[in-house]
Amino acid sequence: MLYLYLEAPFATFRTFTAGSFRPTAEFITPSAAYGLLLNVAGIEMRHCDNELSMNTIKPGLPRFRLALGALSFPLTHTLYQQLHNYPVGNTGKENAERAKGNKYNITPTRRAFLSDLKAYICLDAHESLEGQITKGLLGDAARIYGVPFLGDNNFLISKLEPVANPEPAYWFEKILSEPKGGLSKGITRLTISIDREDMYKTKSGLFAPISKPSVTIPENAWVEVGY
């Protein structure tokens, strides 16, 4: 079992939405943690050839259990920005010449992001994978692409390091049925796995942090991830 401490000033974990508002999950998702761990271990998730889409997940990726805990809860913020894109059809075509080859459709959007993320990622995996991740943290694993980031490539990580003696944390438990007293405080939907070729196969679940921080990880906080 490997405990990792993750700290970042900013992060965003996008849900699949359309429209002018880009929301974020309220905490790091199991799918994002999985991708981050494989990135550190130097394991490429997607095909890198000209025959298959980059959205195609490679077969044979590792499967393991992980649990996510908050040392403190991040704050959610929103900001406005201009979204530049190439529109579908003829919308905005009168701006194409003036843009001189740049993306000429400009739409105001609102984006959500998190600040002050301090989290534990605990994984229960084969010792060989845990060893690969540890080597990656030391810079000894072969890497195919750039530095790890959290949702946007300008949201970089401040710390990602093993922890020998973890502090009590608010572990996020998967909600299997509605509690008798109603839904828990802090409930949020977190993606477990993402299929960009067939969204129907994307898996997510409702999670909520435990009411009091604990060193012991509750059984319902463990989630199996992998493809």
Protein backbone atom coordinates (compact mmCIF):
# COMPACT_ATOMS: atom_id res chain seq x y z
CA MET A 1 0.00 0.00 0.00
CA LEU A 2 1.29 3.44 -0.94
CA TYR A 3 0.19 6.77 0.53
CA LEU A 4 0.88 9.88 -1.53
CA TYR A 5 0.41 13.49 -0.48
CA LEU A 6 -0.77 15.80 -3.25
CA GLU A 7 -0.70 19.58 -2.99
CA ALA A 8 -1.55 22.10 -5.68
CA PRO A 9 -2.53 25.80 -5.64
CA PHE A 10 -5.11 25.30 -8.41
CA ALA A 11 -6.87 22.36 -10.06
CA THR A 12 -9.94 21.57 -12.10
CA PHE A 13 -11.62 18.24 -12.77
CA ARG A 14 -14.02 18.76 -15.63
CA THR A 15 -17.33 16.99 -15.99
CA PHE A 16 -18.64 16.36 -19.50
CA THR A 17 -20.88 19.31 -20.25
CA ALA A 18 -21.82 21.55 -23.14
CA GLY A 19 -22.60 25.25 -23.01
CA SER A 20 -20.98 28.41 -21.71
CA PHE A 21 -20.33 27.12 -18.16
CA ARG A 22 -17.44 24.70 -17.51
CA PRO A 23 -17.97 23.15 -14.05
CA THR A 24 -15.55 21.13 -11.94
CA ALA A 25 -15.95 18.28 -9.48
CA GLU A 26 -15.44 19.44 -5.91
CA PHE A 27 -12.42 17.20 -5.31
CA ILE A 28 -9.91 15.17 -7.27
CA THR A 29 -11.70 12.30 -9.02
CA PRO A 30 -10.63 8.63 -9.06
CA SER A 31 -10.21 8.85 -12.85
CA ALA A 32 -7.91 11.88 -12.54
CA ALA A 33 -5.90 10.21 -9.75
CA TYR A 34 -5.55 7.09 -11.91
CA GLY A 35 -4.26 9.09 -14.87
CA LEU A 36 -1.88 11.03 -12.63
CA LEU A 37 -0.40 7.85 -11.14
CA LEU A 38 0.13 6.25 -14.55
CA ASN A 39 1.72 9.46 -15.79
CA VAL A 40 4.18 9.42 -12.90
CA ALA A 41 4.92 5.72 -13.52
CA GLY A 42 5.62 6.44 -17.20
CA ILE A 43 2.72 4.28 -18.44
CA GLU A 44 1.03 5.66 -21.56
CA MET A 45 -2.78 5.25 -21.50
CA ARG A 46 -3.57 6.13 -25.11
CA HIS A 47 -2.51 4.84 -28.49
CA CYS A 48 0.23 6.89 -30.11
CA ASP A 49 0.02 5.73 -33.72
CA ASN A 50 -1.65 6.95 -36.89
CA GLU A 51 -4.12 4.07 -37.13
CA LEU A 52 -6.23 4.65 -34.02
CA SER A 53 -7.69 7.74 -32.42
CA MET A 54 -5.76 9.30 -29.54
CA ASN A 55 -8.99 8.78 -27.58
CA THR A 56 -8.51 5.01 -27.82
CA ILE A 57 -7.45 3.52 -24.49
CA LYS A 58 -4.66 0.95 -24.71
CA PRO A 59 -5.60 -2.56 -23.57
CA GLY A 60 -3.94 -4.18 -20.60
CA LEU A 61 -3.64 -1.13 -18.35
CA PRO A 62 -3.23 -1.93 -14.65
CA ARG A 63 -6.21 -2.24 -12.36
CA PHE A 64 -5.97 -1.47 -8.66
CA ARG A 65 -7.83 0.04 -5.72
CA LEU A 66 -7.43 3.60 -4.55
CA ALA A 67 -8.89 5.88 -1.89
CA LEU A 68 -8.99 9.66 -1.80
CA GLY A 69 -8.83 11.81 1.32
CA ALA A 70 -8.90 15.56 1.95
CA LEU A 71 -6.63 17.18 4.51
CA SER A 72 -8.76 20.28 4.01
CA PHE A 73 -11.48 21.06 1.51
CA PRO A 74 -10.56 23.12 -1.54
CA LEU A 75 -12.48 26.26 -2.41
CA THR A 76 -14.43 26.51 -5.67
CA HIS A 77 -14.07 29.65 -7.79
CA THR A 78 -15.35 30.83 -11.15
CA LEU A 79 -13.93 33.23 -13.69
CA TYR A 80 -14.96 34.61 -17.05
CA GLN A 81 -12.83 34.32 -20.16
CA GLN A 82 -13.04 34.38 -23.92
CA LEU A 83 -13.34 30.96 -25.52
CA HIS A 84 -11.81 30.91 -29.00
CA ASN A 85 -12.88 28.11 -31.31
CA TYR A 86 -13.62 27.10 -34.87
CA PRO A 87 -17.44 27.03 -35.10
CA VAL A 88 -19.49 24.29 -36.69
CA GLY A 89 -21.02 25.37 -40.00
CA ASN A 90 -20.91 28.98 -41.16
CA THR A 91 -21.35 30.72 -37.81
CA GLY A 92 -19.05 33.73 -37.52
CA LYS A 93 -17.53 33.25 -40.97
CA GLU A 94 -17.48 37.02 -41.46
CA ASN A 95 -14.69 37.15 -38.85
CA ALA A 96 -12.46 34.55 -40.50
CA GLU A 97 -10.54 36.93 -42.76
CA ARG A 98 -9.87 39.43 -39.98
CA ALA A 99 -8.56 36.65 -37.71
CA LYS A 100 -5.85 35.80 -40.29
CA GLY A 101 -5.96 32.06 -39.70
CA ASN A 102 -6.59 32.14 -35.95
CA LYS A 103 -9.69 30.78 -34.26
CA TYR A 104 -12.29 33.36 -35.10
CA ASN A 105 -15.37 32.40 -33.10
CA ILE A 106 -15.15 34.13 -29.71
CA THR A 107 -17.65 33.28 -26.97
CA PRO A 108 -17.68 34.49 -23.34
CA THR A 109 -17.57 31.51 -20.97
CA ARG A 110 -17.47 30.92 -17.23
CA ARG A 111 -15.06 28.33 -15.85
CA ALA A 112 -14.92 26.80 -12.38
CA PHE A 113 -11.72 25.74 -10.67
CA LEU A 114 -10.48 24.71 -7.24
CA SER A 115 -7.84 26.33 -5.06
CA ASP A 116 -5.63 25.03 -2.26
CA LEU A 117 -5.93 21.30 -2.97
CA LYS A 118 -4.37 19.17 -0.22
CA ALA A 119 -5.18 15.49 -0.64
CA TYR A 120 -4.09 11.95 0.03
CA ILE A 121 -4.09 9.39 -2.75
CA CYS A 122 -3.79 5.90 -1.30
CA LEU A 123 -3.37 2.96 -3.67
CA ASP A 124 -3.48 -0.73 -3.04
CA ALA A 125 -1.74 -2.19 -6.07
CA HIS A 126 0.80 -4.81 -7.09
CA GLU A 127 4.16 -3.97 -5.57
CA SER A 128 5.73 -3.70 -9.03
CA LEU A 129 3.37 -0.84 -9.95
CA GLU A 130 3.92 0.86 -6.61
CA GLY A 131 7.64 0.55 -7.28
CA GLN A 132 7.23 2.15 -10.72
CA ILE A 133 5.35 5.07 -9.19
CA THR A 134 8.00 5.54 -6.51
CA LYS A 135 10.74 5.50 -9.17
CA GLY A 136 8.76 8.04 -11.19
CA LEU A 137 8.55 10.38 -8.21
CA LEU A 138 12.35 10.18 -8.01
CA GLY A 139 12.68 10.93 -11.71
CA ASP A 140 13.91 7.43 -12.54
CA ALA A 141 10.98 6.24 -14.72
CA ALA A 142 10.90 6.62 -18.49
CA ARG A 143 8.44 9.33 -19.49
CA ILE A 144 6.71 9.79 -22.83
CA TYR A 145 5.15 13.21 -22.31
CA GLY A 146 5.41 16.32 -20.13
CA VAL A 147 4.94 17.22 -16.52
CA PRO A 148 1.82 16.11 -14.61
CA PHE A 149 -0.94 18.69 -14.23
CA LEU A 150 -4.43 18.83 -12.74
CA GLY A 151 -7.07 19.47 -15.35
CA ASP A 152 -5.46 22.40 -17.19
CA ASN A 153 -1.85 22.36 -18.37
CA ASN A 154 -1.13 25.54 -16.40
CA PHE A 155 -2.41 24.00 -13.13
CA LEU A 156 0.80 22.36 -11.98
CA ILE A 157 1.48 20.32 -8.85
CA SER A 158 3.43 21.76 -5.91
CA LYS A 159 4.02 18.46 -4.10
CA LEU A 160 3.47 14.77 -4.82
CA GLU A 161 5.37 12.62 -2.37
CA PRO A 162 5.09 9.39 -0.35
CA VAL A 163 3.89 9.64 3.23
CA ALA A 164 5.06 7.19 5.89
CA ASN A 165 2.77 8.38 8.70
CA PRO A 166 -0.43 9.88 7.25
CA GLU A 167 -2.47 12.34 9.24
CA PRO A 168 -6.25 11.98 9.76
CA ALA A 169 -8.13 12.85 6.59
CA TYR A 170 -11.68 13.22 5.33
CA TRP A 171 -11.90 10.11 3.15
CA PHE A 172 -14.45 10.23 0.34
CA GLU A 173 -16.84 7.30 0.58
CA LYS A 174 -18.93 6.05 -2.30
CA ILE A 175 -22.63 6.38 -1.50
CA LEU A 176 -24.23 3.01 -2.16
CA SER A 177 -27.73 3.89 -0.92
CA GLU A 178 -29.45 6.96 0.49
CA PRO A 179 -28.79 7.26 4.26
CA LYS A 180 -31.77 7.28 6.61
CA GLY A 181 -31.03 10.84 7.67
CA GLY A 182 -30.83 12.10 4.08
CA LEU A 183 -27.88 12.73 1.82
CA SER A 184 -24.53 13.54 3.37
CA LYS A 185 -22.99 17.00 3.51
CA GLY A 186 -20.46 17.63 0.78
CA ILE A 187 -21.88 15.08 -1.62
CA THR A 188 -20.36 15.29 -5.10
CA ARG A 189 -20.22 13.21 -8.28
CA LEU A 190 -16.77 11.91 -9.16
CA THR A 191 -15.80 10.08 -12.35
CA ILE A 192 -14.22 6.65 -11.86
CA SER A 193 -13.27 5.90 -15.46
CA ILE A 194 -13.70 7.86 -18.70
CA ASP A 195 -14.35 6.52 -22.19
CA ARG A 196 -13.94 9.37 -24.68
CA GLU A 197 -14.96 7.20 -27.62
CA ASP A 198 -18.20 5.98 -26.07
CA MET A 199 -19.50 8.22 -23.29
CA TYR A 200 -22.05 5.58 -22.35
CA LYS A 201 -19.18 3.52 -20.90
CA THR A 202 -17.94 6.33 -18.65
CA LYS A 203 -18.42 5.40 -14.99
CA SER A 204 -19.05 7.76 -12.10
CA GLY A 205 -20.53 7.67 -8.62
CA LEU A 206 -21.78 9.84 -5.79
CA PHE A 207 -19.21 10.37 -3.03
CA ALA A 208 -19.20 12.25 0.27
CA PRO A 209 -16.45 12.86 2.84
CA ILE A 210 -16.67 11.20 6.22
CA SER A 211 -17.88 13.52 8.99
CA LYS A 212 -14.71 13.35 11.11
CA PRO A 213 -11.12 12.95 9.86
CA SER A 214 -9.60 9.54 10.39
CA VAL A 215 -6.31 7.75 9.76
CA THR A 216 -8.24 4.55 9.02
CA ILE A 217 -9.62 4.35 5.48
CA PRO A 218 -13.30 3.25 5.46
CA GLU A 219 -14.06 0.25 3.28
CA ASN A 220 -16.51 2.26 1.12
CA ALA A 221 -13.73 4.73 0.28
CA TRP A 222 -11.89 2.10 -1.78
CA VAL A 223 -12.66 2.25 -5.50
CA GLU A 224 -11.37 -0.09 -8.19
CA VAL A 225 -9.93 1.81 -11.13
CA GLY A 226 -8.46 0.67 -14.43
CA TYR A 227 -9.33 -0.35 -17.97
